C-alpha atoms as a PDB file:
ATOM      1  CA  MET A   1      -6.376  31.109 -11.608  1.00  0.00           C
ATOM      2  CA  PHE A   2      -2.999  31.107 -13.103  1.00  0.00           C
ATOM      3  CA  GLN A   3      -1.743  33.766 -15.986  1.00  0.00           C
ATOM      4  CA  ASP A   4      -0.010  32.636 -18.996  1.00  0.00           C
ATOM      5  CA  LYS A   5       3.434  34.068 -17.638  1.00  0.00           C
ATOM      6  CA  GLU A   6       3.391  31.848 -14.638  1.00  0.00           C
ATOM      7  CA  ILE A   7       2.307  28.561 -16.493  1.00  0.00           C
ATOM      8  CA  VAL A   8       5.292  29.383 -19.123  1.00  0.00           C
ATOM      9  CA  SER A   9       7.814  30.077 -15.918  1.00  0.00           C
ATOM     10  CA  ASP A  10       6.663  26.885 -14.214  1.00  0.00           C
ATOM     11  CA  TYR A  11       6.928  24.651 -17.303  1.00  0.00           C
ATOM     12  CA  LEU A  12      10.387  26.193 -17.903  1.00  0.00           C
ATOM     13  CA  ALA A  13      11.529  25.421 -14.436  1.00  0.00           C
ATOM     14  CA  GLY A  14      10.263  21.878 -14.800  1.00  0.00           C
ATOM     15  CA  LEU A  15      12.252  21.638 -18.007  1.00  0.00           C
ATOM     16  CA  ASN A  16      15.246  22.848 -16.631  1.00  0.00           C
ATOM     17  CA  ALA A  17      15.302  20.569 -13.603  1.00  0.00           C
ATOM     18  CA  SER A  18      14.480  17.440 -15.861  1.00  0.00           C
ATOM     19  CA  LEU A  19      17.496  18.393 -17.763  1.00  0.00           C
ATOM     20  CA  THR A  20      19.786  18.386 -14.700  1.00  0.00           C
ATOM     21  CA  GLY A  21      18.304  14.835 -13.861  1.00  0.00           C
ATOM     22  CA  TYR A  22      19.031  13.673 -17.298  1.00  0.00           C
ATOM     23  CA  ALA A  23      22.497  14.849 -16.973  1.00  0.00           C
ATOM     24  CA  HIS A  24      23.340  12.925 -13.794  1.00  0.00           C
ATOM     25  CA  MET A  25      21.500   9.766 -14.989  1.00  0.00           C
ATOM     26  CA  ILE A  26      23.257   9.610 -18.427  1.00  0.00           C
ATOM     27  CA  THR A  27      26.641   9.808 -16.904  1.00  0.00           C
ATOM     28  CA  GLN A  28      25.772   7.373 -14.498  1.00  0.00           C
ATOM     29  CA  SER A  29      24.428   4.772 -16.874  1.00  0.00           C
ATOM     30  CA  ASN A  30      25.928   1.748 -17.390  1.00  0.00           C
ATOM     31  CA  ASN A  31      23.387   0.164 -19.793  1.00  0.00           C
ATOM     32  CA  SER A  32      23.989   1.509 -23.401  1.00  0.00           C
ATOM     33  CA  GLU A  33      20.117   1.000 -24.368  1.00  0.00           C
ATOM     34  CA  LEU A  34      19.093   2.991 -21.410  1.00  0.00           C
ATOM     35  CA  ARG A  35      21.721   5.720 -22.088  1.00  0.00           C
ATOM     36  CA  GLN A  36      20.602   6.023 -25.588  1.00  0.00           C
ATOM     37  CA  ALA A  37      16.697   6.302 -24.251  1.00  0.00           C
ATOM     38  CA  LEU A  38      17.764   9.031 -21.717  1.00  0.00           C
ATOM     39  CA  ILE A  39      19.925  10.851 -24.223  1.00  0.00           C
ATOM     40  CA  GLN A  40      16.681  10.889 -26.515  1.00  0.00           C
ATOM     41  CA  LEU A  41      14.474  12.408 -23.839  1.00  0.00           C
ATOM     42  CA  ARG A  42      17.000  15.044 -22.943  1.00  0.00           C
ATOM     43  CA  ASN A  43      17.114  16.046 -26.603  1.00  0.00           C
ATOM     44  CA  GLN A  44      13.288  15.963 -26.635  1.00  0.00           C
ATOM     45  CA  ASP A  45      13.361  18.356 -23.642  1.00  0.00           C
ATOM     46  CA  GLU A  46      15.938  20.696 -24.770  1.00  0.00           C
ATOM     47  CA  SER A  47      14.103  21.251 -27.758  1.00  0.00           C
ATOM     48  CA  ARG A  48      10.927  22.076 -25.576  1.00  0.00           C
ATOM     49  CA  GLN A  49      12.928  24.099 -23.451  1.00  0.00           C
ATOM     50  CA  ARG A  50      14.283  26.293 -26.444  1.00  0.00           C
ATOM     51  CA  THR A  51      10.864  26.552 -27.814  1.00  0.00           C
ATOM     52  CA  LEU A  52       9.344  27.763 -24.714  1.00  0.00           C
ATOM     53  CA  TYR A  53      12.248  29.922 -23.899  1.00  0.00           C
ATOM     54  CA  SER A  54      11.897  31.709 -27.247  1.00  0.00           C
ATOM     55  CA  TYR A  55       7.958  31.910 -26.343  1.00  0.00           C
ATOM     56  CA  ALA A  56       8.654  33.389 -23.218  1.00  0.00           C
ATOM     57  CA  LEU A  57      11.076  36.153 -24.482  1.00  0.00           C
ATOM     58  CA  GLN A  58       8.866  37.099 -27.553  1.00  0.00           C
ATOM     59  CA  LYS A  59       6.125  37.910 -24.985  1.00  0.00           C
ATOM     60  CA  GLY A  60       8.398  39.698 -22.705  1.00  0.00           C
ATOM     61  CA  TYR A  61       8.008  37.269 -19.771  1.00  0.00           C
ATOM     62  CA  TYR A  62      11.816  36.666 -19.825  1.00  0.00           C
ATOM     63  CA  GLN A  63      14.674  39.099 -19.771  1.00  0.00           C
ATOM     64  CA  PRO A  64      18.117  37.480 -20.469  1.00  0.00           C
ATOM     65  CA  ALA A  65      21.160  38.793 -18.748  1.00  0.00           C
ATOM     66  CA  ALA A  66      23.566  41.154 -20.835  1.00  0.00           C
ATOM     67  CA  PRO A  67      25.923  39.417 -22.951  1.00  0.00           C
ATOM     68  CA  ALA A  68      29.253  39.115 -21.829  1.00  0.00           C
ATOM     69  CA  SER A  69      32.353  41.335 -23.122  1.00  0.00           C
ATOM     70  CA  GLU A  70      34.720  39.982 -25.689  1.00  0.00           C
ATOM     71  CA  GLU A  71      37.177  40.262 -22.836  1.00  0.00           C
ATOM     72  CA  VAL A  72      35.235  38.450 -20.392  1.00  0.00           C
ATOM     73  CA  VAL A  73      34.691  35.572 -23.099  1.00  0.00           C
ATOM     74  CA  GLN A  74      38.406  35.325 -23.895  1.00  0.00           C
ATOM     75  CA  GLN A  75      39.215  35.200 -20.070  1.00  0.00           C
ATOM     76  CA  LEU A  76      36.983  32.454 -19.417  1.00  0.00           C
ATOM     77  CA  LYS A  77      37.997  30.528 -22.671  1.00  0.00           C
ATOM     78  CA  SER A  78      41.766  30.997 -21.228  1.00  0.00           C
ATOM     79  CA  GLN A  79      40.890  29.619 -17.831  1.00  0.00           C
ATOM     80  CA  LEU A  80      38.899  26.718 -19.039  1.00  0.00           C
ATOM     81  CA  THR A  81      41.996  25.918 -21.435  1.00  0.00           C
ATOM     82  CA  GLN A  82      44.381  26.212 -18.593  1.00  0.00           C
ATOM     83  CA  GLU A  83      42.360  23.770 -16.581  1.00  0.00           C
ATOM     84  CA  GLN A  84      42.177  21.038 -19.000  1.00  0.00           C
END
């Protein structure tokens, strides 16, 4: 029998995979109605993912990485700005 932690982890993995798939489909869609439908589906999955992430965090099923230092954030911003 699956435990709550395993179910949450599996569902999160599925949602993350679907979000990646939506990103690819949206960028390649030439039909505006299809594109809008995909965007709506992606937004719904993003909302589900955030809710489930918050639940996993609250239950201690997920431990996020330590926040980046301000120096690292500024370096990354600088690099991204230069690449554009």
